[in-house]
Every structure is written in structure tokens, then in C-alpha cells.
Amino acid sequence: MAKSMKIRKGDRVVVLTGKDKGRTGEVLRSLPKEERVVVQGVNMVTKHIRPSASSQGGIDRIEAPIHVSNVAIADPRDGAPTRVGYKMDGDRKVRFARRSGEVIDR
């Protein structure tokens, strides 16, 4: 069974390790079963597209999934990496940045 991920689509994240360390981007897709996320402009790979009747083909650069342990939520206050916690806001459960205490959920 896959663990629940604290990072969701639309979140602003900071890459912690790898060739794109320090870069920030928005999560385009979340893949909870593989525990990976696709971040805009991060972990770019080249993909060779075969020509077909509808497209010309060629070489595209696309974002590849990156493991969720290699990214952290960007703090809404200053953009630094932070961990995520949960707390009750009235009768709603919300995510908050542990670094500054600000609520992350919209």
C-alpha cells in the first residue's frame, strides 16, 4: 500500500538533491502509487517522437517524474524548503508549513 503524500498538484516545491538541486517549480502531476511527482522545468529528458500521420515527429524535451523524497514544499513566506504538518482550522484539516506556521492549502 502506498503512503499518503503531503505534496499535491499545484504546490510550489524546491528540489533538494540531484542535478536540479535548488530549483523551484510547480507540481504538474502527482503519482502517489510510485511516490513521484512531475515538477515544471525540472528533471528534463529528451524523448524521440516517431513521425505519424498527424505529427511530424522529432526530439522533444519533457519533464520526467522525480521521487517525492527529493523535493520539499516551498515556504509561502520566503520560498525556502519546509516540512509539512497538519492542523485543524475550525472543522477543516489543513496543511501548514512547519518553518513559518503559514497555511499552505488554498
C-alpha atoms as a PDB file:
ATOM      1  CA  MET A   1       0.000   0.000   0.000  1.00  0.00           C
ATOM      2  CA  ALA A   2       1.370   3.437  -0.951  1.00  0.00           C
ATOM      3  CA  LYS A   3       1.919   6.028   1.758  1.00  0.00           C
ATOM      4  CA  SER A   4      -0.110   9.206   1.503  1.00  0.00           C
ATOM      5  CA  MET A   5       1.923  12.065   0.050  1.00  0.00           C
ATOM      6  CA  LYS A   6       1.968  15.548   1.559  1.00  0.00           C
ATOM      7  CA  ILE A   7       2.782  17.132  -1.826  1.00  0.00           C
ATOM      8  CA  ARG A   8      -0.085  17.720  -4.245  1.00  0.00           C
ATOM      9  CA  LYS A   9      -0.670  19.019  -7.750  1.00  0.00           C
ATOM     10  CA  GLY A  10      -0.266  22.802  -7.902  1.00  0.00           C
ATOM     11  CA  ASP A  11       2.156  23.030  -4.956  1.00  0.00           C
ATOM     12  CA  ARG A  12       5.337  25.095  -5.275  1.00  0.00           C
ATOM     13  CA  VAL A  13       8.336  22.869  -4.441  1.00  0.00           C
ATOM     14  CA  VAL A  14      12.129  23.136  -4.098  1.00  0.00           C
ATOM     15  CA  VAL A  15      14.397  20.334  -5.392  1.00  0.00           C
ATOM     16  CA  LEU A  16      16.709  19.123  -2.601  1.00  0.00           C
ATOM     17  CA  THR A  17      19.063  16.737  -4.444  1.00  0.00           C
ATOM     18  CA  GLY A  18      20.266  15.794  -7.901  1.00  0.00           C
ATOM     19  CA  LYS A  19      21.252  17.754 -10.980  1.00  0.00           C
ATOM     20  CA  ASP A  20      18.443  20.300 -10.460  1.00  0.00           C
ATOM     21  CA  LYS A  21      19.215  20.951  -6.760  1.00  0.00           C
ATOM     22  CA  GLY A  22      17.940  24.361  -5.605  1.00  0.00           C
ATOM     23  CA  ARG A  23      15.497  24.883  -8.489  1.00  0.00           C
ATOM     24  CA  THR A  24      11.849  25.582  -7.783  1.00  0.00           C
ATOM     25  CA  GLY A  25       8.773  24.748  -9.779  1.00  0.00           C
ATOM     26  CA  GLU A  26       5.108  23.872  -9.660  1.00  0.00           C
ATOM     27  CA  VAL A  27       3.940  20.266  -9.356  1.00  0.00           C
ATOM     28  CA  LEU A  28       2.227  19.351 -12.643  1.00  0.00           C
ATOM     29  CA  ARG A  29       1.273  15.781 -11.747  1.00  0.00           C
ATOM     30  CA  SER A  30       1.330  13.659  -8.623  1.00  0.00           C
ATOM     31  CA  LEU A  31       1.921   9.901  -8.909  1.00  0.00           C
ATOM     32  CA  PRO A  32       1.116   8.533  -5.424  1.00  0.00           C
ATOM     33  CA  LYS A  33       1.463   4.831  -6.281  1.00  0.00           C
ATOM     34  CA  GLU A  34       5.069   5.378  -7.426  1.00  0.00           C
ATOM     35  CA  GLU A  35       5.677   8.111  -4.798  1.00  0.00           C
ATOM     36  CA  ARG A  36       6.821  10.524  -7.518  1.00  0.00           C
ATOM     37  CA  VAL A  37       5.890  13.998  -8.746  1.00  0.00           C
ATOM     38  CA  VAL A  38       6.400  15.808 -12.064  1.00  0.00           C
ATOM     39  CA  VAL A  39       7.748  19.328 -11.492  1.00  0.00           C
ATOM     40  CA  GLN A  40       7.598  22.042 -14.160  1.00  0.00           C
ATOM     41  CA  GLY A  41      11.018  22.651 -15.740  1.00  0.00           C
ATOM     42  CA  VAL A  42      12.835  20.118 -13.523  1.00  0.00           C
ATOM     43  CA  ASN A  43      14.420  16.753 -14.472  1.00  0.00           C
ATOM     44  CA  MET A  44      14.144  17.401 -18.205  1.00  0.00           C
ATOM     45  CA  VAL A  45      14.785  14.418 -20.503  1.00  0.00           C
ATOM     46  CA  THR A  46      14.855  14.093 -24.292  1.00  0.00           C
ATOM     47  CA  LYS A  47      12.175  11.956 -25.889  1.00  0.00           C
ATOM     48  CA  HIS A  48      12.343  10.851 -29.528  1.00  0.00           C
ATOM     49  CA  ILE A  49       8.914  11.009 -31.185  1.00  0.00           C
ATOM     50  CA  ARG A  50       8.193   8.747 -34.156  1.00  0.00           C
ATOM     51  CA  PRO A  51       6.573  10.512 -37.138  1.00  0.00           C
ATOM     52  CA  SER A  52       2.922   9.619 -37.754  1.00  0.00           C
ATOM     53  CA  ALA A  53       0.089  10.777 -39.980  1.00  0.00           C
ATOM     54  CA  SER A  54      -0.893  13.510 -37.513  1.00  0.00           C
ATOM     55  CA  SER A  55       2.520  14.663 -36.237  1.00  0.00           C
ATOM     56  CA  GLN A  56       5.896  15.316 -37.787  1.00  0.00           C
ATOM     57  CA  GLY A  57       7.974  13.660 -35.071  1.00  0.00           C
ATOM     58  CA  GLY A  58      11.362  14.802 -33.806  1.00  0.00           C
ATOM     59  CA  ILE A  59      13.021  15.280 -30.431  1.00  0.00           C
ATOM     60  CA  ASP A  60      11.029  16.715 -27.511  1.00  0.00           C
ATOM     61  CA  ARG A  61      12.186  17.741 -24.052  1.00  0.00           C
ATOM     62  CA  ILE A  62       9.751  16.716 -21.320  1.00  0.00           C
ATOM     63  CA  GLU A  63       9.743  16.617 -17.514  1.00  0.00           C
ATOM     64  CA  ALA A  64      10.377  13.185 -16.008  1.00  0.00           C
ATOM     65  CA  PRO A  65       8.987  12.191 -12.609  1.00  0.00           C
ATOM     66  CA  ILE A  66      11.189  12.829  -9.571  1.00  0.00           C
ATOM     67  CA  HIS A  67      10.929  10.976  -6.264  1.00  0.00           C
ATOM     68  CA  VAL A  68       8.900  12.814  -3.651  1.00  0.00           C
ATOM     69  CA  SER A  69      11.720  12.490  -1.083  1.00  0.00           C
ATOM     70  CA  ASN A  70      13.922  14.696  -3.299  1.00  0.00           C
ATOM     71  CA  VAL A  71      11.566  17.697  -3.168  1.00  0.00           C
ATOM     72  CA  ALA A  72      10.174  19.845  -0.348  1.00  0.00           C
ATOM     73  CA  ILE A  73       7.340  22.344  -0.227  1.00  0.00           C
ATOM     74  CA  ALA A  74       8.486  25.959  -0.650  1.00  0.00           C
ATOM     75  CA  ASP A  75       7.550  28.061   2.372  1.00  0.00           C
ATOM     76  CA  PRO A  76       4.807  30.542   1.343  1.00  0.00           C
ATOM     77  CA  ARG A  77       6.550  33.301   3.311  1.00  0.00           C
ATOM     78  CA  ASP A  78      10.108  33.199   1.889  1.00  0.00           C
ATOM     79  CA  GLY A  79      10.364  30.280  -0.581  1.00  0.00           C
ATOM     80  CA  ALA A  80      12.790  28.199   1.500  1.00  0.00           C
ATOM     81  CA  PRO A  81      12.203  24.425   1.763  1.00  0.00           C
ATOM     82  CA  THR A  82       9.984  23.378   4.653  1.00  0.00           C
ATOM     83  CA  ARG A  83       8.288  20.308   6.030  1.00  0.00           C
ATOM     84  CA  VAL A  84       4.508  19.961   6.048  1.00  0.00           C
ATOM     85  CA  GLY A  85       2.253  19.459   9.042  1.00  0.00           C
ATOM     86  CA  TYR A  86      -1.484  19.110   9.521  1.00  0.00           C
ATOM     87  CA  LYS A  87      -3.752  21.012  11.901  1.00  0.00           C
ATOM     88  CA  MET A  88      -7.444  21.666  12.322  1.00  0.00           C
ATOM     89  CA  ASP A  89      -8.738  25.044  11.157  1.00  0.00           C
ATOM     90  CA  GLY A  90     -12.229  25.131  12.589  1.00  0.00           C
ATOM     91  CA  ASP A  91     -13.777  21.910  11.301  1.00  0.00           C
ATOM     92  CA  ARG A  92     -11.331  21.586   8.350  1.00  0.00           C
ATOM     93  CA  LYS A  93      -7.997  19.745   8.287  1.00  0.00           C
ATOM     94  CA  VAL A  94      -5.373  21.939   6.569  1.00  0.00           C
ATOM     95  CA  ARG A  95      -1.677  21.638   5.686  1.00  0.00           C
ATOM     96  CA  PHE A  96       0.755  24.183   7.118  1.00  0.00           C
ATOM     97  CA  ALA A  97       4.455  24.990   6.712  1.00  0.00           C
ATOM     98  CA  ARG A  98       6.353  23.862   9.808  1.00  0.00           C
ATOM     99  CA  ARG A  99       9.017  26.532   9.225  1.00  0.00           C
ATOM    100  CA  SER A 100       6.746  29.587   9.384  1.00  0.00           C
ATOM    101  CA  GLY A 101       3.391  28.173  10.515  1.00  0.00           C
ATOM    102  CA  GLU A 102       1.547  29.574   7.480  1.00  0.00           C
ATOM    103  CA  VAL A 103      -1.318  27.584   5.965  1.00  0.00           C
ATOM    104  CA  ILE A 104      -0.458  26.043   2.574  1.00  0.00           C
ATOM    105  CA  ASP A 105      -3.936  24.931   1.455  1.00  0.00           C
ATOM    106  CA  ARG A 106      -5.972  27.395  -0.510  1.00  0.00           C
END
